[in-house]
Amino acid sequence: MNCFHCGKGVMYGRSHTHHRGVAGGRWKKRAPKTQRLFQPNLQPVMIVEHGVYSRIKLCNKCLKRIKKDMVDGKKPFLKLANVPANIIAAMKVAESSRATAPQKAKISQPKADEPMAQAV
């Protein structure tokens, strides 16, 4: 199974556990390395796409990206059907703090033809 958004799937690799051998470094006591599969951390989620609800699997990295974009006020790449209550609360807090935050003053840069004031 692959992630719906990024396509992350099964990866092949080798397991390596550190095996403490005997003193003197006997070669036959070395740590074994066996072939294994690394599975992606896929989570089932419900999304709304073109007004239709569908159940897909997303890797946890993509799911975290969607939730973070929602909290930050950015448009996520997928719309979740059932948003957790803590995400909704965080979105409201972030929105209210953006509305009440003072605007940063712009620092004016000197023009090219004006000489810069130098300390004497």
C-alpha atoms as a PDB file:
ATOM      1  CA  MET A   1       0.000   0.000   0.000  1.00  0.00           C
ATOM      2  CA  ASN A   2       1.251   3.481  -0.848  1.00  0.00           C
ATOM      3  CA  CYS A   3       0.536   6.968   0.440  1.00  0.00           C
ATOM      4  CA  PHE A   4      -2.200   8.702  -1.572  1.00  0.00           C
ATOM      5  CA  HIS A   5      -0.302  12.001  -1.798  1.00  0.00           C
ATOM      6  CA  CYS A   6       3.439  11.301  -1.911  1.00  0.00           C
ATOM      7  CA  GLY A   7       3.418   7.639  -2.996  1.00  0.00           C
ATOM      8  CA  LYS A   8       5.648   6.505  -0.150  1.00  0.00           C
ATOM      9  CA  GLY A   9       5.642   2.716   0.012  1.00  0.00           C
ATOM     10  CA  VAL A  10       7.622  -0.282   1.195  1.00  0.00           C
ATOM     11  CA  MET A  11      11.399   0.150   1.336  1.00  0.00           C
ATOM     12  CA  TYR A  12      13.927  -2.661   1.441  1.00  0.00           C
ATOM     13  CA  GLY A  13      16.892  -2.685   3.767  1.00  0.00           C
ATOM     14  CA  ARG A  14      18.835  -4.703   6.271  1.00  0.00           C
ATOM     15  CA  SER A  15      18.271  -5.078   9.975  1.00  0.00           C
ATOM     16  CA  HIS A  16      21.349  -4.654  12.095  1.00  0.00           C
ATOM     17  CA  THR A  17      21.392  -5.414  15.784  1.00  0.00           C
ATOM     18  CA  HIS A  18      24.572  -4.864  17.678  1.00  0.00           C
ATOM     19  CA  HIS A  19      25.768  -8.212  18.948  1.00  0.00           C
ATOM     20  CA  ARG A  20      28.426  -7.945  21.606  1.00  0.00           C
ATOM     21  CA  GLY A  21      30.900 -10.690  20.923  1.00  0.00           C
ATOM     22  CA  VAL A  22      33.602 -12.110  23.071  1.00  0.00           C
ATOM     23  CA  ALA A  23      36.771 -10.258  23.957  1.00  0.00           C
ATOM     24  CA  GLY A  24      39.347 -10.396  21.219  1.00  0.00           C
ATOM     25  CA  GLY A  25      36.895  -9.752  18.379  1.00  0.00           C
ATOM     26  CA  ARG A  26      35.960 -13.234  17.212  1.00  0.00           C
ATOM     27  CA  TRP A  27      34.682 -12.880  13.628  1.00  0.00           C
ATOM     28  CA  LYS A  28      32.051 -15.617  13.903  1.00  0.00           C
ATOM     29  CA  LYS A  29      30.350 -13.644  16.708  1.00  0.00           C
ATOM     30  CA  ARG A  30      29.772 -10.561  14.520  1.00  0.00           C
ATOM     31  CA  ALA A  31      26.372  -8.841  14.408  1.00  0.00           C
ATOM     32  CA  PRO A  32      24.029 -10.525  11.874  1.00  0.00           C
ATOM     33  CA  LYS A  33      22.492  -8.406   9.109  1.00  0.00           C
ATOM     34  CA  THR A  34      19.310  -9.832   7.615  1.00  0.00           C
ATOM     35  CA  GLN A  35      17.072  -8.520   4.849  1.00  0.00           C
ATOM     36  CA  ARG A  36      13.851  -6.837   5.960  1.00  0.00           C
ATOM     37  CA  LEU A  37      11.046  -4.534   4.814  1.00  0.00           C
ATOM     38  CA  PHE A  38      10.449  -1.045   6.173  1.00  0.00           C
ATOM     39  CA  GLN A  39       6.712  -0.288   6.095  1.00  0.00           C
ATOM     40  CA  PRO A  40       5.416   3.305   5.769  1.00  0.00           C
ATOM     41  CA  ASN A  41       3.358   4.728   8.637  1.00  0.00           C
ATOM     42  CA  LEU A  42       0.029   4.863   6.774  1.00  0.00           C
ATOM     43  CA  GLN A  43      -3.092   6.196   8.495  1.00  0.00           C
ATOM     44  CA  PRO A  44      -6.650   5.864   7.137  1.00  0.00           C
ATOM     45  CA  VAL A  45      -8.355   9.272   6.767  1.00  0.00           C
ATOM     46  CA  MET A  46     -11.556  10.619   5.224  1.00  0.00           C
ATOM     47  CA  ILE A  47     -11.176  13.462   2.729  1.00  0.00           C
ATOM     48  CA  VAL A  48     -13.573  15.617   0.743  1.00  0.00           C
ATOM     49  CA  GLU A  49     -12.670  15.812  -2.936  1.00  0.00           C
ATOM     50  CA  HIS A  50     -15.030  17.577  -5.386  1.00  0.00           C
ATOM     51  CA  GLY A  51     -17.839  17.280  -2.825  1.00  0.00           C
ATOM     52  CA  VAL A  52     -17.406  13.507  -2.500  1.00  0.00           C
ATOM     53  CA  TYR A  53     -16.212  11.825   0.687  1.00  0.00           C
ATOM     54  CA  SER A  54     -13.566   9.169   0.171  1.00  0.00           C
ATOM     55  CA  ARG A  55     -11.445   7.054   2.485  1.00  0.00           C
ATOM     56  CA  ILE A  56      -7.730   7.033   1.671  1.00  0.00           C
ATOM     57  CA  LYS A  57      -4.444   6.203   3.346  1.00  0.00           C
ATOM     58  CA  LEU A  58      -1.894   8.948   4.011  1.00  0.00           C
ATOM     59  CA  CYS A  59       1.568   8.599   5.503  1.00  0.00           C
ATOM     60  CA  ASN A  60       1.962  10.333   8.838  1.00  0.00           C
ATOM     61  CA  LYS A  61       4.338  12.932   7.356  1.00  0.00           C
ATOM     62  CA  CYS A  62       1.673  14.123   4.881  1.00  0.00           C
ATOM     63  CA  LEU A  63      -1.003  14.067   7.588  1.00  0.00           C
ATOM     64  CA  LYS A  64       1.146  16.247   9.868  1.00  0.00           C
ATOM     65  CA  ARG A  65       1.749  18.658   6.958  1.00  0.00           C
ATOM     66  CA  ILE A  66      -2.015  19.021   6.374  1.00  0.00           C
ATOM     67  CA  LYS A  67      -2.716  19.668  10.064  1.00  0.00           C
ATOM     68  CA  LYS A  68       0.134  22.194  10.345  1.00  0.00           C
ATOM     69  CA  ASP A  69      -1.038  24.055   7.226  1.00  0.00           C
ATOM     70  CA  MET A  70      -4.545  24.274   8.683  1.00  0.00           C
ATOM     71  CA  VAL A  71      -3.246  25.705  11.969  1.00  0.00           C
ATOM     72  CA  ASP A  72      -0.969  28.191  10.164  1.00  0.00           C
ATOM     73  CA  GLY A  73      -3.846  29.420   7.988  1.00  0.00           C
ATOM     74  CA  LYS A  74      -2.402  28.081   4.720  1.00  0.00           C
ATOM     75  CA  LYS A  75      -4.420  26.087   2.207  1.00  0.00           C
ATOM     76  CA  PRO A  76      -3.662  22.360   2.699  1.00  0.00           C
ATOM     77  CA  PHE A  77      -3.225  20.118  -0.358  1.00  0.00           C
ATOM     78  CA  LEU A  78      -6.136  17.888   0.815  1.00  0.00           C
ATOM     79  CA  LYS A  79      -9.283  18.749   2.773  1.00  0.00           C
ATOM     80  CA  LEU A  80      -9.947  16.436   5.709  1.00  0.00           C
ATOM     81  CA  ALA A  81     -13.575  15.392   6.214  1.00  0.00           C
ATOM     82  CA  ASN A  82     -13.504  15.245  10.007  1.00  0.00           C
ATOM     83  CA  VAL A  83     -11.031  17.686  11.506  1.00  0.00           C
ATOM     84  CA  PRO A  84     -10.009  16.981  15.140  1.00  0.00           C
ATOM     85  CA  ALA A  85     -11.291  19.438  17.765  1.00  0.00           C
ATOM     86  CA  ASN A  86      -7.794  20.422  18.913  1.00  0.00           C
ATOM     87  CA  ILE A  87      -6.884  21.492  15.353  1.00  0.00           C
ATOM     88  CA  ILE A  88     -10.032  23.640  15.119  1.00  0.00           C
ATOM     89  CA  ALA A  89      -9.218  25.291  18.460  1.00  0.00           C
ATOM     90  CA  ALA A  90      -5.623  25.950  17.363  1.00  0.00           C
ATOM     91  CA  MET A  91      -6.873  27.463  14.092  1.00  0.00           C
ATOM     92  CA  LYS A  92      -9.130  29.877  16.006  1.00  0.00           C
ATOM     93  CA  VAL A  93      -6.321  30.900  18.363  1.00  0.00           C
ATOM     94  CA  ALA A  94      -3.913  31.474  15.468  1.00  0.00           C
ATOM     95  CA  GLU A  95      -6.517  33.460  13.540  1.00  0.00           C
ATOM     96  CA  SER A  96      -7.305  35.728  16.491  1.00  0.00           C
ATOM     97  CA  SER A  97      -3.618  36.324  17.229  1.00  0.00           C
ATOM     98  CA  ARG A  98      -3.001  37.285  13.587  1.00  0.00           C
ATOM     99  CA  ALA A  99      -5.888  39.758  13.701  1.00  0.00           C
ATOM    100  CA  THR A 100      -4.676  41.474  16.896  1.00  0.00           C
ATOM    101  CA  ALA A 101      -0.929  41.374  16.180  1.00  0.00           C
ATOM    102  CA  PRO A 102       0.622  44.796  15.488  1.00  0.00           C
ATOM    103  CA  GLN A 103       1.981  45.312  12.007  1.00  0.00           C
ATOM    104  CA  LYS A 104       5.741  45.474  11.641  1.00  0.00           C
ATOM    105  CA  ALA A 105       7.125  48.881  10.715  1.00  0.00           C
ATOM    106  CA  LYS A 106       8.963  48.905   7.422  1.00  0.00           C
ATOM    107  CA  ILE A 107      12.530  50.156   7.513  1.00  0.00           C
ATOM    108  CA  SER A 108      13.141  52.597   4.700  1.00  0.00           C
ATOM    109  CA  GLN A 109      16.283  52.024   2.707  1.00  0.00           C
ATOM    110  CA  PRO A 110      18.346  55.055   1.627  1.00  0.00           C
ATOM    111  CA  LYS A 111      18.103  55.862  -2.054  1.00  0.00           C
ATOM    112  CA  ALA A 112      21.117  55.341  -4.274  1.00  0.00           C
ATOM    113  CA  ASP A 113      21.678  59.068  -4.962  1.00  0.00           C
ATOM    114  CA  GLU A 114      21.463  60.109  -1.272  1.00  0.00           C
ATOM    115  CA  PRO A 115      24.728  60.035   0.695  1.00  0.00           C
ATOM    116  CA  MET A 116      24.592  57.944   3.840  1.00  0.00           C
ATOM    117  CA  ALA A 117      25.024  59.731   7.169  1.00  0.00           C
ATOM    118  CA  GLN A 118      28.284  58.692   8.777  1.00  0.00           C
ATOM    119  CA  ALA A 119      29.250  58.896  12.422  1.00  0.00           C
ATOM    120  CA  VAL A 120      31.912  61.482  13.183  1.00  0.00           C
END
